[in-house]
Amino acid sequence: SLESGRIISEMNVAGIPALVSIDASASHLAVADFDRAVRVWNM
């Protein structure tokens, strides 16, 4: 959070993602691996 200067959420994902995307408030995370799959989490 830029306002508080603190970590508000964290997550470990296996492997090295090929692509990453977050929504407008960084509450959802989408990761594309090299297996042609995209996985989505609630951060």
All heavy atoms as atom14 arrays in JSON, in Angstrom:
{
  "sequence": "SLESGRIISEMNVAGIPALVSIDASASHLAVADFDRAVRVWNM",
  "atom14_mask": [
    [1, 1, 1, 1, 1, 1, 0, 0, 0, 0, 0, 0, 0, 0],
    [1, 1, 1, 1, 1, 1, 1, 1, 0, 0, 0, 0, 0, 0],
    [1, 1, 1, 1, 1, 1, 1, 1, 1, 0, 0, 0, 0, 0],
    [1, 1, 1, 1, 1, 1, 0, 0, 0, 0, 0, 0, 0, 0],
    [1, 1, 1, 1, 0, 0, 0, 0, 0, 0, 0, 0, 0, 0],
    [1, 1, 1, 1, 1, 1, 1, 1, 1, 1, 1, 0, 0, 0],
    [1, 1, 1, 1, 1, 1, 1, 1, 0, 0, 0, 0, 0, 0],
    [1, 1, 1, 1, 1, 1, 1, 1, 0, 0, 0, 0, 0, 0],
    [1, 1, 1, 1, 1, 1, 0, 0, 0, 0, 0, 0, 0, 0],
    [1, 1, 1, 1, 1, 1, 1, 1, 1, 0, 0, 0, 0, 0],
    [1, 1, 1, 1, 1, 1, 1, 1, 0, 0, 0, 0, 0, 0],
    [1, 1, 1, 1, 1, 1, 1, 1, 0, 0, 0, 0, 0, 0],
    [1, 1, 1, 1, 1, 1, 1, 0, 0, 0, 0, 0, 0, 0],
    [1, 1, 1, 1, 1, 0, 0, 0, 0, 0, 0, 0, 0, 0],
    [1, 1, 1, 1, 0, 0, 0, 0, 0, 0, 0, 0, 0, 0],
    [1, 1, 1, 1, 1, 1, 1, 1, 0, 0, 0, 0, 0, 0],
    [1, 1, 1, 1, 1, 1, 1, 0, 0, 0, 0, 0, 0, 0],
    [1, 1, 1, 1, 1, 0, 0, 0, 0, 0, 0, 0, 0, 0],
    [1, 1, 1, 1, 1, 1, 1, 1, 0, 0, 0, 0, 0, 0],
    [1, 1, 1, 1, 1, 1, 1, 0, 0, 0, 0, 0, 0, 0],
    [1, 1, 1, 1, 1, 1, 0, 0, 0, 0, 0, 0, 0, 0],
    [1, 1, 1, 1, 1, 1, 1, 1, 0, 0, 0, 0, 0, 0],
    [1, 1, 1, 1, 1, 1, 1, 1, 0, 0, 0, 0, 0, 0],
    [1, 1, 1, 1, 1, 0, 0, 0, 0, 0, 0, 0, 0, 0],
    [1, 1, 1, 1, 1, 1, 0, 0, 0, 0, 0, 0, 0, 0],
    [1, 1, 1, 1, 1, 0, 0, 0, 0, 0, 0, 0, 0, 0],
    [1, 1, 1, 1, 1, 1, 0, 0, 0, 0, 0, 0, 0, 0],
    [1, 1, 1, 1, 1, 1, 1, 1, 1, 1, 0, 0, 0, 0],
    [1, 1, 1, 1, 1, 1, 1, 1, 0, 0, 0, 0, 0, 0],
    [1, 1, 1, 1, 1, 0, 0, 0, 0, 0, 0, 0, 0, 0],
    [1, 1, 1, 1, 1, 1, 1, 0, 0, 0, 0, 0, 0, 0],
    [1, 1, 1, 1, 1, 0, 0, 0, 0, 0, 0, 0, 0, 0],
    [1, 1, 1, 1, 1, 1, 1, 1, 0, 0, 0, 0, 0, 0],
    [1, 1, 1, 1, 1, 1, 1, 1, 1, 1, 1, 0, 0, 0],
    [1, 1, 1, 1, 1, 1, 1, 1, 0, 0, 0, 0, 0, 0],
    [1, 1, 1, 1, 1, 1, 1, 1, 1, 1, 1, 0, 0, 0],
    [1, 1, 1, 1, 1, 0, 0, 0, 0, 0, 0, 0, 0, 0],
    [1, 1, 1, 1, 1, 1, 1, 0, 0, 0, 0, 0, 0, 0],
    [1, 1, 1, 1, 1, 1, 1, 1, 1, 1, 1, 0, 0, 0],
    [1, 1, 1, 1, 1, 1, 1, 0, 0, 0, 0, 0, 0, 0],
    [1, 1, 1, 1, 1, 1, 1, 1, 1, 1, 1, 1, 1, 1],
    [1, 1, 1, 1, 1, 1, 1, 1, 0, 0, 0, 0, 0, 0],
    [1, 1, 1, 1, 1, 1, 1, 1, 0, 0, 0, 0, 0, 0]
  ],
  "atom14_positions": [
    [[0.85, -1.18, 0.0], [0.0, 0.0, 0.0], [0.89, 1.24, 0.0], [1.74, 1.4, 0.88], [-0.91, 0.0, 1.23], [-1.54, 1.26, 1.37], [0.0, 0.0, 0.0], [0.0, 0.0, 0.0], [0.0, 0.0, 0.0], [0.0, 0.0, 0.0], [0.0, 0.0, 0.0], [0.0, 0.0, 0.0], [0.0, 0.0, 0.0], [0.0, 0.0, 0.0]],
    [[0.71, 2.12, -0.99], [1.5, 3.35, -1.03], [1.08, 4.3, 0.08], [1.87, 5.15, 0.51], [1.33, 4.03, -2.39], [1.87, 3.27, -3.61], [1.71, 4.1, -4.87], [3.33, 2.88, -3.41], [0.0, 0.0, 0.0], [0.0, 0.0, 0.0], [0.0, 0.0, 0.0], [0.0, 0.0, 0.0], [0.0, 0.0, 0.0], [0.0, 0.0, 0.0]],
    [[-0.15, 4.18, 0.55], [-0.62, 5.07, 1.6], [-0.02, 4.73, 2.96], [0.44, 5.61, 3.68], [-2.15, 4.99, 1.68], [-2.77, 5.93, 2.71], [-4.27, 5.86, 2.71], [-4.85, 5.24, 1.8], [-4.88, 6.43, 3.64], [0.0, 0.0, 0.0], [0.0, 0.0, 0.0], [0.0, 0.0, 0.0], [0.0, 0.0, 0.0], [0.0, 0.0, 0.0]],
    [[0.0, 3.43, 3.3], [0.54, 3.02, 4.6], [2.0, 2.62, 4.54], [2.67, 2.58, 5.58], [-0.28, 1.85, 5.15], [-0.12, 0.69, 4.33], [0.0, 0.0, 0.0], [0.0, 0.0, 0.0], [0.0, 0.0, 0.0], [0.0, 0.0, 0.0], [0.0, 0.0, 0.0], [0.0, 0.0, 0.0], [0.0, 0.0, 0.0], [0.0, 0.0, 0.0]],
    [[2.52, 2.32, 3.33], [3.9, 1.89, 3.19], [4.13, 0.48, 3.72], [5.26, 0.13, 4.07], [0.0, 0.0, 0.0], [0.0, 0.0, 0.0], [0.0, 0.0, 0.0], [0.0, 0.0, 0.0], [0.0, 0.0, 0.0], [0.0, 0.0, 0.0], [0.0, 0.0, 0.0], [0.0, 0.0, 0.0], [0.0, 0.0, 0.0], [0.0, 0.0, 0.0]],
    [[3.06, -0.34, 3.75], [3.17, -1.69, 4.29], [2.63, -2.72, 3.31], [1.87, -2.41, 2.4], [2.4, -1.79, 5.61], [2.94, -0.89, 6.72], [2.1, -1.05, 7.96], [2.6, -0.21, 9.06], [2.04, -0.15, 10.26], [0.94, -0.87, 10.51], [2.57, 0.63, 11.19], [0.0, 0.0, 0.0], [0.0, 0.0, 0.0], [0.0, 0.0, 0.0]],
    [[3.03, -3.99, 3.56], [2.51, -5.11, 2.78], [1.1, -5.43, 3.27], [0.87, -5.63, 4.46], [3.4, -6.35, 2.92], [4.82, -6.05, 2.4], [2.79, -7.54, 2.17], [5.8, -7.19, 2.63], [0.0, 0.0, 0.0], [0.0, 0.0, 0.0], [0.0, 0.0, 0.0], [0.0, 0.0, 0.0], [0.0, 0.0, 0.0], [0.0, 0.0, 0.0]],
    [[0.13, -5.49, 2.35], [-1.23, -5.82, 2.74], [-1.63, -7.23, 2.32], [-2.62, -7.77, 2.84], [-2.24, -4.8, 2.16], [-2.17, -4.78, 0.63], [-1.98, -3.41, 2.72], [-3.23, -3.9, 0.0], [0.0, 0.0, 0.0], [0.0, 0.0, 0.0], [0.0, 0.0, 0.0], [0.0, 0.0, 0.0], [0.0, 0.0, 0.0], [0.0, 0.0, 0.0]],
    [[-0.89, -7.85, 1.41], [-1.14, -9.25, 1.05], [0.08, -9.8, 0.35], [0.88, -9.06, -0.24], [-2.38, -9.39, 0.15], [-2.2, -8.71, -1.06], [0.0, 0.0, 0.0], [0.0, 0.0, 0.0], [0.0, 0.0, 0.0], [0.0, 0.0, 0.0], [0.0, 0.0, 0.0], [0.0, 0.0, 0.0], [0.0, 0.0, 0.0], [0.0, 0.0, 0.0]],
    [[0.24, -11.13, 0.43], [1.34, -11.8, -0.26], [0.93, -13.22, -0.62], [0.02, -13.8, -0.01], [2.6, -11.8, 0.6], [2.46, -12.47, 1.94], [3.75, -12.37, 2.76], [4.69, -11.71, 2.3], [3.79, -12.94, 3.85], [0.0, 0.0, 0.0], [0.0, 0.0, 0.0], [0.0, 0.0, 0.0], [0.0, 0.0, 0.0], [0.0, 0.0, 0.0]],
    [[1.62, -13.77, -1.62], [1.27, -15.11, -2.1], [2.45, -15.73, -2.8], [3.18, -15.07, -3.53], [0.08, -15.01, -3.07], [-0.32, -16.32, -3.71], [-1.7, -16.07, -4.85], [-2.93, -15.5, -3.69], [0.0, 0.0, 0.0], [0.0, 0.0, 0.0], [0.0, 0.0, 0.0], [0.0, 0.0, 0.0], [0.0, 0.0, 0.0], [0.0, 0.0, 0.0]],
    [[2.64, -17.04, -2.58], [3.66, -17.82, -3.26], [3.03, -18.61, -4.39], [1.99, -19.27, -4.19], [4.34, -18.79, -2.29], [5.64, -18.21, -1.76], [6.51, -17.8, -2.53], [5.79, -18.16, -0.45], [0.0, 0.0, 0.0], [0.0, 0.0, 0.0], [0.0, 0.0, 0.0], [0.0, 0.0, 0.0], [0.0, 0.0, 0.0], [0.0, 0.0, 0.0]],
    [[3.63, -18.56, -5.58], [3.16, -19.32, -6.73], [4.3, -20.19, -7.22], [5.43, -19.71, -7.36], [2.69, -18.38, -7.85], [2.3, -19.17, -9.08], [1.53, -17.53, -7.38], [0.0, 0.0, 0.0], [0.0, 0.0, 0.0], [0.0, 0.0, 0.0], [0.0, 0.0, 0.0], [0.0, 0.0, 0.0], [0.0, 0.0, 0.0], [0.0, 0.0, 0.0]],
    [[4.01, -21.46, -7.47], [5.05, -22.39, -7.91], [5.56, -22.0, -9.29], [4.8, -21.58, -10.17], [4.5, -23.81, -7.93], [0.0, 0.0, 0.0], [0.0, 0.0, 0.0], [0.0, 0.0, 0.0], [0.0, 0.0, 0.0], [0.0, 0.0, 0.0], [0.0, 0.0, 0.0], [0.0, 0.0, 0.0], [0.0, 0.0, 0.0], [0.0, 0.0, 0.0]],
    [[6.87, -22.15, -9.48], [7.48, -21.92, -10.77], [7.72, -20.45, -11.08], [7.58, -19.57, -10.22], [0.0, 0.0, 0.0], [0.0, 0.0, 0.0], [0.0, 0.0, 0.0], [0.0, 0.0, 0.0], [0.0, 0.0, 0.0], [0.0, 0.0, 0.0], [0.0, 0.0, 0.0], [0.0, 0.0, 0.0], [0.0, 0.0, 0.0], [0.0, 0.0, 0.0]],
    [[8.07, -20.2, -12.33], [8.35, -18.84, -12.82], [7.29, -18.48, -13.85], [7.27, -19.05, -14.95], [9.75, -18.75, -13.44], [10.82, -19.15, -12.42], [10.02, -17.34, -13.97], [12.22, -19.18, -12.98], [0.0, 0.0, 0.0], [0.0, 0.0, 0.0], [0.0, 0.0, 0.0], [0.0, 0.0, 0.0], [0.0, 0.0, 0.0], [0.0, 0.0, 0.0]],
    [[6.38, -17.58, -13.54], [5.3, -17.23, -14.48], [5.83, -16.59, -15.76], [6.82, -15.85, -15.74], [4.44, -16.24, -13.69], [4.82, -16.45, -12.26], [6.25, -16.86, -12.27], [0.0, 0.0, 0.0], [0.0, 0.0, 0.0], [0.0, 0.0, 0.0], [0.0, 0.0, 0.0], [0.0, 0.0, 0.0], [0.0, 0.0, 0.0], [0.0, 0.0, 0.0]],
    [[5.13, -16.88, -16.86], [5.48, -16.24, -18.12], [4.85, -14.86, -18.22], [5.47, -13.93, -18.75], [5.01, -17.11, -19.28], [0.0, 0.0, 0.0], [0.0, 0.0, 0.0], [0.0, 0.0, 0.0], [0.0, 0.0, 0.0], [0.0, 0.0, 0.0], [0.0, 0.0, 0.0], [0.0, 0.0, 0.0], [0.0, 0.0, 0.0], [0.0, 0.0, 0.0]],
    [[3.61, -14.72, -17.71], [2.88, -13.46, -17.77], [2.15, -13.24, -16.45], [1.73, -14.19, -15.8], [1.87, -13.46, -18.92], [2.4, -13.65, -20.34], [1.25, -13.92, -21.29], [3.18, -12.42, -20.78], [0.0, 0.0, 0.0], [0.0, 0.0, 0.0], [0.0, 0.0, 0.0], [0.0, 0.0, 0.0], [0.0, 0.0, 0.0], [0.0, 0.0, 0.0]],
    [[1.98, -11.96, -16.08], [1.31, -11.6, -14.84], [0.38, -10.43, -15.11], [0.7, -9.52, -15.88], [2.33, -11.21, -13.73], [1.61, -10.72, -12.48], [3.22, -12.39, -13.39], [0.0, 0.0, 0.0], [0.0, 0.0, 0.0], [0.0, 0.0, 0.0], [0.0, 0.0, 0.0], [0.0, 0.0, 0.0], [0.0, 0.0, 0.0], [0.0, 0.0, 0.0]],
    [[-0.8, -10.45, -14.47], [-1.74, -9.33, -14.56], [-2.44, -9.16, -13.21], [-2.71, -10.15, -12.52], [-2.77, -9.56, -15.66], [-3.69, -8.5, -15.72], [0.0, 0.0, 0.0], [0.0, 0.0, 0.0], [0.0, 0.0, 0.0], [0.0, 0.0, 0.0], [0.0, 0.0, 0.0], [0.0, 0.0, 0.0], [0.0, 0.0, 0.0], [0.0, 0.0, 0.0]],
    [[-2.72, -7.9, -12.84], [-3.5, -7.61, -11.64], [-4.68, -6.74, -12.01], [-4.67, -6.08, -13.05], [-2.64, -6.89, -10.57], [-2.02, -5.61, -11.15], [-1.6, -7.81, -9.99], [-1.28, -4.77, -10.13], [0.0, 0.0, 0.0], [0.0, 0.0, 0.0], [0.0, 0.0, 0.0], [0.0, 0.0, 0.0], [0.0, 0.0, 0.0], [0.0, 0.0, 0.0]],
    [[-5.72, -6.77, -11.18], [-6.85, -5.9, -11.44], [-6.57, -4.5, -10.9], [-5.47, -4.21, -10.42], [-8.13, -6.49, -10.85], [-8.08, -6.66, -9.34], [-7.09, -6.21, -8.73], [-9.03, -7.22, -8.77], [0.0, 0.0, 0.0], [0.0, 0.0, 0.0], [0.0, 0.0, 0.0], [0.0, 0.0, 0.0], [0.0, 0.0, 0.0], [0.0, 0.0, 0.0]],
    [[-7.56, -3.62, -10.98], [-7.33, -2.2, -10.69], [-6.85, -1.95, -9.28], [-6.05, -1.04, -9.02], [-8.61, -1.41, -10.95], [0.0, 0.0, 0.0], [0.0, 0.0, 0.0], [0.0, 0.0, 0.0], [0.0, 0.0, 0.0], [0.0, 0.0, 0.0], [0.0, 0.0, 0.0], [0.0, 0.0, 0.0], [0.0, 0.0, 0.0], [0.0, 0.0, 0.0]],
    [[-7.32, -2.74, -8.31], [-6.95, -2.53, -6.91], [-5.94, -3.55, -6.41], [-5.69, -3.63, -5.21], [-8.2, -2.58, -6.03], [-8.83, -3.84, -6.13], [0.0, 0.0, 0.0], [0.0, 0.0, 0.0], [0.0, 0.0, 0.0], [0.0, 0.0, 0.0], [0.0, 0.0, 0.0], [0.0, 0.0, 0.0], [0.0, 0.0, 0.0], [0.0, 0.0, 0.0]],
    [[-5.35, -4.32, -7.32], [-4.37, -5.35, -6.97], [-4.93, -6.36, -5.99], [-4.22, -6.88, -5.14], [-3.1, -4.71, -6.4], [0.0, 0.0, 0.0], [0.0, 0.0, 0.0], [0.0, 0.0, 0.0], [0.0, 0.0, 0.0], [0.0, 0.0, 0.0], [0.0, 0.0, 0.0], [0.0, 0.0, 0.0], [0.0, 0.0, 0.0], [0.0, 0.0, 0.0]],
    [[-6.23, -6.67, -6.11], [-6.85, -7.68, -5.24], [-6.95, -9.03, -5.92], [-7.17, -10.04, -5.26], [-8.24, -7.21, -4.8], [-9.07, -6.98, -5.92], [0.0, 0.0, 0.0], [0.0, 0.0, 0.0], [0.0, 0.0, 0.0], [0.0, 0.0, 0.0], [0.0, 0.0, 0.0], [0.0, 0.0, 0.0], [0.0, 0.0, 0.0], [0.0, 0.0, 0.0]],
    [[-6.79, -9.07, -7.25], [-6.79, -10.33, -7.99], [-5.5, -10.43, -8.8], [-5.01, -9.43, -9.33], [-7.99, -10.43, -8.92], [-9.3, -10.57, -8.22], [-9.96, -9.48, -7.69], [-10.06, -11.66, -7.93], [-11.09, -9.89, -7.13], [-11.17, -11.2, -7.26], [0.0, 0.0, 0.0], [0.0, 0.0, 0.0], [0.0, 0.0, 0.0], [0.0, 0.0, 0.0]],
    [[-5.0, -11.63, -8.9], [-3.75, -11.91, -9.61], [-3.98, -13.0, -10.64], [-4.54, -14.05, -10.32], [-2.67, -12.35, -8.62], [-1.34, -12.83, -9.21], [-0.55, -11.66, -9.77], [-0.51, -13.57, -8.15], [0.0, 0.0, 0.0], [0.0, 0.0, 0.0], [0.0, 0.0, 0.0], [0.0, 0.0, 0.0], [0.0, 0.0, 0.0], [0.0, 0.0, 0.0]],
    [[-3.59, -12.75, -11.88], [-3.65, -13.75, -12.95], [-2.23, -14.06, -13.38], [-1.43, -13.15, -13.62], [-4.48, -13.26, -14.12], [0.0, 0.0, 0.0], [0.0, 0.0, 0.0], [0.0, 0.0, 0.0], [0.0, 0.0, 0.0], [0.0, 0.0, 0.0], [0.0, 0.0, 0.0], [0.0, 0.0, 0.0], [0.0, 0.0, 0.0], [0.0, 0.0, 0.0]],
    [[-1.91, -15.35, -13.5], [-0.57, -15.79, -13.87], [-0.68, -16.79, -15.01], [-1.45, -17.75, -14.94], [0.13, -16.46, -12.66], [1.43, -17.11, -13.09], [0.39, -15.43, -11.57], [0.0, 0.0, 0.0], [0.0, 0.0, 0.0], [0.0, 0.0, 0.0], [0.0, 0.0, 0.0], [0.0, 0.0, 0.0], [0.0, 0.0, 0.0], [0.0, 0.0, 0.0]],
    [[0.07, -16.57, -16.07], [0.15, -17.51, -17.19], [1.47, -18.26, -17.08], [2.54, -17.65, -17.1], [0.05, -16.78, -18.52], [0.0, 0.0, 0.0], [0.0, 0.0, 0.0], [0.0, 0.0, 0.0], [0.0, 0.0, 0.0], [0.0, 0.0, 0.0], [0.0, 0.0, 0.0], [0.0, 0.0, 0.0], [0.0, 0.0, 0.0], [0.0, 0.0, 0.0]],
    [[1.39, -19.58, -16.97], [2.58, -20.41, -16.94], [2.93, -20.85, -18.36], [2.24, -20.5, -19.32], [2.37, -21.63, -16.05], [2.23, -21.24, -14.58], [2.89, -20.27, -14.18], [1.46, -21.89, -13.86], [0.0, 0.0, 0.0], [0.0, 0.0, 0.0], [0.0, 0.0, 0.0], [0.0, 0.0, 0.0], [0.0, 0.0, 0.0], [0.0, 0.0, 0.0]],
    [[3.97, -21.63, -18.49], [4.39, -22.1, -19.8], [3.68, -23.39, -20.22], [4.09, -24.05, -21.17], [5.91, -22.31, -19.82], [6.68, -21.02, -19.72], [7.13, -20.57, -18.49], [6.94, -20.26, -20.84], [7.84, -19.38, -18.38], [7.64, -19.06, -20.74], [8.1, -18.62, -19.51], [0.0, 0.0, 0.0], [0.0, 0.0, 0.0], [0.0, 0.0, 0.0]],
    [[2.61, -23.74, -19.5], [1.83, -24.93, -19.83], [0.51, -24.57, -20.51], [-0.44, -25.33, -20.48], [1.56, -25.77, -18.58], [0.83, -24.98, -17.49], [0.58, -23.77, -17.71], [0.51, -25.56, -16.45], [0.0, 0.0, 0.0], [0.0, 0.0, 0.0], [0.0, 0.0, 0.0], [0.0, 0.0, 0.0], [0.0, 0.0, 0.0], [0.0, 0.0, 0.0]],
    [[0.42, -23.34, -21.08], [-0.77, -22.87, -21.8], [-1.98, -22.7, -20.89], [-3.12, -22.76, -21.34], [-1.11, -23.79, -22.98], [-0.04, -23.87, -24.04], [-0.46, -24.78, -25.15], [-0.68, -26.15, -24.68], [-1.11, -27.14, -25.44], [-1.4, -26.9, -26.72], [-1.28, -28.33, -24.97], [0.0, 0.0, 0.0], [0.0, 0.0, 0.0], [0.0, 0.0, 0.0]],
    [[-1.74, -22.5, -19.61], [-2.83, -22.31, -18.65], [-2.68, -20.96, -17.96], [-1.57, -20.48, -17.73], [-2.85, -23.43, -17.62], [0.0, 0.0, 0.0], [0.0, 0.0, 0.0], [0.0, 0.0, 0.0], [0.0, 0.0, 0.0], [0.0, 0.0, 0.0], [0.0, 0.0, 0.0], [0.0, 0.0, 0.0], [0.0, 0.0, 0.0], [0.0, 0.0, 0.0]],
    [[-3.82, -20.35, -17.62], [-3.85, -19.11, -16.85], [-4.57, -19.41, -15.54], [-5.69, -19.95, -15.55], [-4.58, -17.98, -17.6], [-4.61, -16.72, -16.74], [-3.89, -17.69, -18.93], [0.0, 0.0, 0.0], [0.0, 0.0, 0.0], [0.0, 0.0, 0.0], [0.0, 0.0, 0.0], [0.0, 0.0, 0.0], [0.0, 0.0, 0.0], [0.0, 0.0, 0.0]],
    [[-3.96, -19.04, -14.42], [-4.55, -19.28, -13.11], [-4.82, -17.95, -12.43], [-4.01, -17.02, -12.53], [-3.64, -20.16, -12.25], [-3.42, -21.54, -12.85], [-2.36, -22.34, -12.11], [-2.19, -23.67, -12.7], [-1.4, -23.95, -13.73], [-0.67, -22.98, -14.27], [-1.32, -25.17, -14.22], [0.0, 0.0, 0.0], [0.0, 0.0, 0.0], [0.0, 0.0, 0.0]],
    [[-5.94, -17.85, -11.74], [-6.38, -16.61, -11.11], [-6.59, -16.84, -9.62], [-7.23, -17.82, -9.22], [-7.68, -16.08, -11.76], [-8.07, -14.74, -11.14], [-7.52, -15.94, -13.27], [0.0, 0.0, 0.0], [0.0, 0.0, 0.0], [0.0, 0.0, 0.0], [0.0, 0.0, 0.0], [0.0, 0.0, 0.0], [0.0, 0.0, 0.0], [0.0, 0.0, 0.0]],
    [[-6.06, -15.91, -8.8], [-6.21, -15.97, -7.34], [-6.82, -14.67, -6.81], [-6.67, -13.61, -7.42], [-4.86, -16.15, -6.65], [-4.25, -17.5, -6.75], [-4.38, -18.56, -5.91], [-3.34, -17.95, -7.78], [-3.65, -19.63, -6.34], [-2.99, -19.29, -7.49], [-2.81, -17.34, -8.92], [-2.12, -20.02, -8.28], [-1.95, -18.07, -9.72], [-1.61, -19.4, -9.4]],
    [[-7.45, -14.78, -5.65], [-7.83, -13.61, -4.86], [-6.65, -13.31, -3.94], [-6.35, -14.08, -3.03], [-9.1, -13.9, -4.06], [-9.6, -12.66, -3.32], [-8.83, -11.89, -2.76], [-10.9, -12.49, -3.32], [0.0, 0.0, 0.0], [0.0, 0.0, 0.0], [0.0, 0.0, 0.0], [0.0, 0.0, 0.0], [0.0, 0.0, 0.0], [0.0, 0.0, 0.0]],
    [[-5.98, -12.19, -4.17], [-4.78, -11.86, -3.4], [-5.08, -11.56, -1.94], [-4.21, -11.73, -1.08], [-4.08, -10.65, -4.03], [-3.33, -10.94, -5.31], [-1.8, -11.88, -5.04], [-0.78, -10.65, -4.2], [0.0, 0.0, 0.0], [0.0, 0.0, 0.0], [0.0, 0.0, 0.0], [0.0, 0.0, 0.0], [0.0, 0.0, 0.0], [0.0, 0.0, 0.0]]
  ]
}
